[in-house]
Amino acid sequence: MGIKSDQASISVPVILEGQVDEQALAHMKLTPDWLKLQLDLLGIDDLDKVFYASVNDQHKLHVSPKISEDPDHYTVPH
């Protein structure tokens, strides 16, 4: 019938209050270097600026900054 089903994507926290969870990265088969590159693409050069970041099963990073003048969150497409 051509009906497409969207499956929910599970996100894994990789940064909590500026601290990287390297086990979570490894679980997602990602490295700290990958995470740094993604943050660099967003212009985030200091982990202390990150309140929360998660990665979904499609390796899309979602970042919530600690303090931001802009209420929107940063998102990096994969």
N, C-alpha and C. Protein backbone atom coordinates (compact mmCIF):
# COMPACT_ATOMS: atom_id res chain seq x y z
N MET A 1 0.80 -1.20 0.00
CA MET A 1 0.00 0.00 0.00
C MET A 1 0.85 1.26 0.00
N GLY A 2 2.12 1.14 0.24
CA GLY A 2 2.98 2.31 0.25
C GLY A 2 2.91 3.12 1.54
N ILE A 3 2.40 2.52 2.61
CA ILE A 3 2.34 3.23 3.89
C ILE A 3 3.69 3.14 4.56
N LYS A 4 4.20 4.28 4.93
CA LYS A 4 5.51 4.36 5.56
C LYS A 4 5.34 4.55 7.06
N SER A 5 6.05 3.75 7.82
CA SER A 5 5.98 3.84 9.28
C SER A 5 7.23 4.50 9.81
N ASP A 6 7.06 5.55 10.59
CA ASP A 6 8.20 6.18 11.24
C ASP A 6 8.44 5.48 12.57
N GLN A 7 9.65 4.97 12.73
CA GLN A 7 10.00 4.33 13.99
C GLN A 7 10.65 5.36 14.90
N ALA A 8 10.36 5.23 16.17
CA ALA A 8 10.96 6.16 17.13
C ALA A 8 12.46 5.91 17.21
N SER A 9 13.20 6.96 17.26
CA SER A 9 14.65 6.88 17.38
C SER A 9 15.03 7.02 18.85
N ILE A 10 15.89 6.14 19.31
CA ILE A 10 16.33 6.19 20.70
C ILE A 10 17.57 7.05 20.79
N SER A 11 17.57 8.00 21.70
CA SER A 11 18.73 8.87 21.92
C SER A 11 19.46 8.45 23.19
N VAL A 12 20.77 8.54 23.12
CA VAL A 12 21.62 8.18 24.25
C VAL A 12 22.34 9.44 24.72
N PRO A 13 22.26 9.77 26.01
CA PRO A 13 22.98 10.94 26.52
C PRO A 13 24.50 10.72 26.41
N VAL A 14 25.20 11.69 25.84
CA VAL A 14 26.66 11.59 25.72
C VAL A 14 27.38 12.70 26.49
N ILE A 15 26.66 13.77 26.84
CA ILE A 15 27.23 14.83 27.68
C ILE A 15 26.16 15.22 28.69
N LEU A 16 26.57 15.26 29.95
CA LEU A 16 25.70 15.74 31.02
C LEU A 16 26.49 16.78 31.81
N GLU A 17 25.97 18.00 31.82
CA GLU A 17 26.60 19.12 32.53
C GLU A 17 28.09 19.22 32.24
N GLY A 18 28.44 19.15 30.95
CA GLY A 18 29.82 19.35 30.52
C GLY A 18 30.71 18.13 30.60
N GLN A 19 30.19 17.01 31.10
CA GLN A 19 31.00 15.80 31.26
C GLN A 19 30.63 14.78 30.17
N VAL A 20 31.64 14.35 29.40
CA VAL A 20 31.42 13.38 28.34
C VAL A 20 31.31 11.98 28.92
N ASP A 21 30.32 11.23 28.47
CA ASP A 21 30.15 9.84 28.86
C ASP A 21 30.75 8.98 27.74
N GLU A 22 32.03 8.62 27.93
CA GLU A 22 32.74 7.88 26.89
C GLU A 22 32.17 6.48 26.69
N GLN A 23 31.59 5.89 27.74
CA GLN A 23 30.95 4.57 27.58
C GLN A 23 29.74 4.67 26.66
N ALA A 24 28.98 5.74 26.80
CA ALA A 24 27.81 5.94 25.94
C ALA A 24 28.26 6.14 24.49
N LEU A 25 29.33 6.91 24.30
CA LEU A 25 29.87 7.09 22.95
C LEU A 25 30.28 5.75 22.36
N ALA A 26 31.00 4.96 23.13
CA ALA A 26 31.46 3.66 22.66
C ALA A 26 30.28 2.76 22.33
N HIS A 27 29.23 2.82 23.15
CA HIS A 27 28.02 2.03 22.90
C HIS A 27 27.42 2.40 21.55
N MET A 28 27.50 3.66 21.18
CA MET A 28 26.97 4.13 19.89
C MET A 28 27.99 3.97 18.77
N LYS A 29 29.14 3.35 19.10
CA LYS A 29 30.24 3.15 18.15
C LYS A 29 30.78 4.48 17.62
N LEU A 30 30.91 5.44 18.53
CA LEU A 30 31.44 6.77 18.23
C LEU A 30 32.63 7.03 19.13
N THR A 31 33.41 8.04 18.78
CA THR A 31 34.61 8.37 19.54
C THR A 31 34.53 9.80 20.08
N PRO A 32 35.36 10.11 21.07
CA PRO A 32 35.43 11.50 21.53
C PRO A 32 35.83 12.46 20.40
N ASP A 33 36.66 12.00 19.48
CA ASP A 33 37.04 12.85 18.34
C ASP A 33 35.83 13.18 17.47
N TRP A 34 34.94 12.20 17.26
CA TRP A 34 33.71 12.45 16.49
C TRP A 34 32.86 13.50 17.20
N LEU A 35 32.73 13.35 18.51
CA LEU A 35 31.93 14.30 19.28
C LEU A 35 32.52 15.70 19.21
N LYS A 36 33.84 15.80 19.34
CA LYS A 36 34.50 17.11 19.26
C LYS A 36 34.26 17.76 17.91
N LEU A 37 34.36 16.97 16.84
CA LEU A 37 34.11 17.50 15.50
C LEU A 37 32.69 18.03 15.38
N GLN A 38 31.71 17.27 15.89
CA GLN A 38 30.32 17.72 15.82
C GLN A 38 30.11 19.01 16.60
N LEU A 39 30.71 19.09 17.76
CA LEU A 39 30.61 20.32 18.57
C LEU A 39 31.29 21.48 17.87
N ASP A 40 32.44 21.22 17.25
CA ASP A 40 33.14 22.27 16.49
C ASP A 40 32.26 22.80 15.36
N LEU A 41 31.54 21.91 14.69
CA LEU A 41 30.65 22.33 13.61
C LEU A 41 29.55 23.27 14.11
N LEU A 42 29.21 23.13 15.39
CA LEU A 42 28.20 23.99 15.99
C LEU A 42 28.80 25.27 16.59
N GLY A 43 30.13 25.34 16.56
CA GLY A 43 30.78 26.51 17.16
C GLY A 43 30.92 26.39 18.66
N ILE A 44 30.80 25.19 19.18
CA ILE A 44 30.94 24.96 20.63
C ILE A 44 32.34 24.45 20.89
N ASP A 45 33.14 25.28 21.56
CA ASP A 45 34.54 24.93 21.80
C ASP A 45 34.83 24.63 23.27
N ASP A 46 33.79 24.65 24.09
CA ASP A 46 33.98 24.45 25.52
C ASP A 46 32.85 23.57 26.06
N LEU A 47 33.22 22.38 26.56
CA LEU A 47 32.21 21.46 27.09
C LEU A 47 31.43 22.05 28.25
N ASP A 48 32.03 22.99 28.95
CA ASP A 48 31.33 23.62 30.07
C ASP A 48 30.10 24.41 29.62
N LYS A 49 30.00 24.69 28.32
CA LYS A 49 28.84 25.39 27.78
C LYS A 49 27.67 24.44 27.49
N VAL A 50 27.93 23.12 27.59
CA VAL A 50 26.92 22.12 27.24
C VAL A 50 26.26 21.58 28.50
N PHE A 51 24.94 21.75 28.59
CA PHE A 51 24.19 21.18 29.69
C PHE A 51 23.90 19.70 29.42
N TYR A 52 23.44 19.41 28.20
CA TYR A 52 23.04 18.05 27.84
C TYR A 52 23.24 17.86 26.35
N ALA A 53 23.74 16.71 25.97
CA ALA A 53 23.82 16.35 24.55
C ALA A 53 23.52 14.87 24.41
N SER A 54 22.80 14.55 23.35
CA SER A 54 22.47 13.16 23.09
C SER A 54 22.67 12.85 21.61
N VAL A 55 22.84 11.56 21.32
CA VAL A 55 23.01 11.08 19.95
C VAL A 55 21.95 10.01 19.72
N ASN A 56 21.27 10.11 18.56
CA ASN A 56 20.29 9.06 18.26
C ASN A 56 20.94 7.96 17.44
N ASP A 57 20.14 6.94 17.10
CA ASP A 57 20.70 5.78 16.40
C ASP A 57 21.11 6.09 14.96
N GLN A 58 20.80 7.27 14.48
CA GLN A 58 21.25 7.71 13.16
C GLN A 58 22.44 8.65 13.28
N HIS A 59 23.02 8.72 14.47
CA HIS A 59 24.19 9.54 14.80
C HIS A 59 23.93 11.03 14.61
N LYS A 60 22.72 11.44 14.92
CA LYS A 60 22.37 12.86 14.90
C LYS A 60 22.55 13.39 16.32
N LEU A 61 23.35 14.44 16.45
CA LEU A 61 23.65 15.02 17.75
C LEU A 61 22.67 16.14 18.07
N HIS A 62 22.15 16.13 19.29
CA HIS A 62 21.28 17.20 19.78
C HIS A 62 21.94 17.78 21.03
N VAL A 63 22.08 19.11 21.06
CA VAL A 63 22.78 19.76 22.16
C VAL A 63 21.88 20.81 22.80
N SER A 64 21.83 20.78 24.13
CA SER A 64 21.14 21.83 24.91
C SER A 64 22.22 22.58 25.68
N PRO A 65 22.43 23.85 25.36
CA PRO A 65 23.46 24.62 26.05
C PRO A 65 23.05 24.94 27.49
N LYS A 66 24.06 25.19 28.33
CA LYS A 66 23.78 25.57 29.73
C LYS A 66 23.09 26.92 29.78
N ILE A 67 23.66 27.90 29.13
CA ILE A 67 23.10 29.25 29.12
C ILE A 67 23.17 29.74 27.67
N SER A 68 22.06 30.23 27.20
CA SER A 68 22.03 30.70 25.83
C SER A 68 21.08 31.88 25.72
N GLU A 69 21.48 32.86 24.96
CA GLU A 69 20.58 33.98 24.70
C GLU A 69 19.48 33.54 23.74
N ASP A 70 19.79 32.55 22.90
CA ASP A 70 18.84 32.02 21.94
C ASP A 70 18.21 30.77 22.55
N PRO A 71 16.89 30.74 22.73
CA PRO A 71 16.26 29.59 23.37
C PRO A 71 16.27 28.32 22.53
N ASP A 72 16.62 28.44 21.24
CA ASP A 72 16.66 27.24 20.40
C ASP A 72 17.86 26.39 20.75
N HIS A 73 17.74 25.12 20.46
CA HIS A 73 18.84 24.18 20.69
C HIS A 73 19.62 24.01 19.40
N TYR A 74 20.85 23.58 19.53
CA TYR A 74 21.68 23.29 18.38
C TYR A 74 21.40 21.87 17.91
N THR A 75 21.34 21.66 16.62
CA THR A 75 21.18 20.32 16.07
C THR A 75 22.08 20.19 14.86
N VAL A 76 22.82 19.10 14.80
CA VAL A 76 23.70 18.82 13.67
C VAL A 76 23.09 17.69 12.86
N PRO A 77 22.78 17.93 11.58
CA PRO A 77 22.28 16.82 10.76
C PRO A 77 23.39 15.85 10.47
N HIS A 78 23.05 14.59 10.29
CA HIS A 78 24.06 13.57 9.98
C HIS A 78 24.17 13.42 8.49
